[in-house]
Amino acid sequence: MTLDELPLGTPARIMSVDWDALVPEEAQRLRALGIDEGARVSLAYRGVFLTRDPLAVEIGRMTVALRRAHARAMTVNRVEESIPA
């Protein structure tokens, strides 16, 4: 599934990013923010208008606003969180 399809609050790991689908400057900015293959993310918010932009993505202790087109370029897998005993 792509990042824009991830249910709100569900932890996931970015498995791949179609960097060719993004403008090089935008791809560089995303990498500088730590949004790259292997990063753990969670979708915190979807916009309320027709395009559902922007998306708020939690990565580490940061919350980053992304366009839906950027999130669509990222393939993610859900991560099962272990609950400490």
Protein backbone atom coordinates (compact mmCIF):
# COMPACT_ATOMS: atom_id res chain seq x y z
CA MET A 1 0.00 0.00 0.00
CA THR A 2 1.13 3.57 -0.47
CA LEU A 3 1.55 6.02 2.39
CA ASP A 4 -1.55 8.00 1.42
CA GLU A 5 -3.67 4.81 1.82
CA LEU A 6 -2.38 4.02 5.32
CA PRO A 7 -5.09 4.22 8.01
CA LEU A 8 -4.61 7.08 10.47
CA GLY A 9 -2.45 6.22 13.48
CA THR A 10 -1.16 2.95 12.01
CA PRO A 11 2.61 2.53 12.38
CA ALA A 12 4.40 1.55 9.18
CA ARG A 13 7.84 1.30 7.63
CA ILE A 14 8.69 2.86 4.27
CA MET A 15 9.71 -0.01 2.02
CA SER A 16 10.42 1.92 -1.18
CA VAL A 17 10.17 5.39 -2.65
CA ASP A 18 9.71 6.15 -6.34
CA TRP A 19 12.20 9.02 -6.37
CA ASP A 20 11.77 9.45 -10.14
CA ALA A 21 8.12 10.45 -9.56
CA LEU A 22 9.26 13.44 -7.48
CA VAL A 23 10.94 16.69 -8.44
CA PRO A 24 14.65 16.36 -7.48
CA GLU A 25 14.50 19.30 -5.05
CA GLU A 26 11.46 17.80 -3.31
CA ALA A 27 13.13 14.39 -3.09
CA GLN A 28 16.21 16.00 -1.55
CA ARG A 29 14.07 17.82 1.03
CA LEU A 30 12.25 14.61 1.99
CA ARG A 31 15.53 12.75 2.43
CA ALA A 32 16.89 15.60 4.58
CA LEU A 33 13.84 15.19 6.83
CA GLY A 34 14.58 11.47 7.21
CA ILE A 35 11.79 10.28 4.94
CA ASP A 36 13.51 7.43 3.13
CA GLU A 37 13.45 3.64 2.83
CA GLY A 38 13.43 1.98 6.26
CA ALA A 39 11.97 4.94 8.17
CA ARG A 40 9.09 4.28 10.58
CA VAL A 41 6.13 6.55 9.94
CA SER A 42 2.54 7.04 10.98
CA LEU A 43 -0.17 9.05 9.26
CA ALA A 44 -1.53 11.57 11.76
CA TYR A 45 -3.92 13.67 9.66
CA ARG A 46 -5.55 13.95 6.25
CA GLY A 47 -6.80 17.22 4.83
CA VAL A 48 -10.55 17.71 4.70
CA PHE A 49 -10.93 19.14 1.21
CA LEU A 50 -11.52 17.22 -2.00
CA THR A 51 -7.84 16.42 -2.63
CA ARG A 52 -7.34 15.37 1.03
CA ASP A 53 -4.17 17.51 1.12
CA PRO A 54 -2.06 17.98 3.11
CA LEU A 55 -1.16 14.82 4.98
CA ALA A 56 0.58 15.03 8.34
CA VAL A 57 3.14 12.26 8.73
CA GLU A 58 4.82 11.49 12.04
CA ILE A 59 8.41 10.37 11.72
CA GLY A 60 10.29 10.00 14.96
CA ARG A 61 9.36 13.00 17.10
CA MET A 62 8.60 15.19 14.07
CA THR A 63 5.36 15.81 12.26
CA VAL A 64 5.86 16.69 8.60
CA ALA A 65 3.23 17.96 6.16
CA LEU A 66 3.32 16.17 2.80
CA ARG A 67 1.38 16.50 -0.38
CA ARG A 68 -0.70 13.48 -1.27
CA ALA A 69 1.30 13.09 -4.51
CA HIS A 70 4.49 12.68 -2.45
CA ALA A 71 2.88 10.12 -0.15
CA ARG A 72 1.64 8.19 -3.20
CA ALA A 73 5.27 7.70 -4.28
CA MET A 74 6.02 5.79 -1.03
CA THR A 75 5.23 2.13 -0.51
CA VAL A 76 4.77 1.15 3.15
CA ASN A 77 4.17 -1.99 5.20
CA ARG A 78 2.32 -1.95 8.50
CA VAL A 79 4.46 -2.58 11.56
CA GLU A 80 3.14 -4.57 14.49
CA GLU A 81 4.09 -2.70 17.64
CA SER A 82 5.17 -4.90 20.51
CA ILE A 83 3.51 -4.08 23.81
CA PRO A 84 5.91 -4.30 26.77
CA ALA A 85 4.84 -6.77 29.45
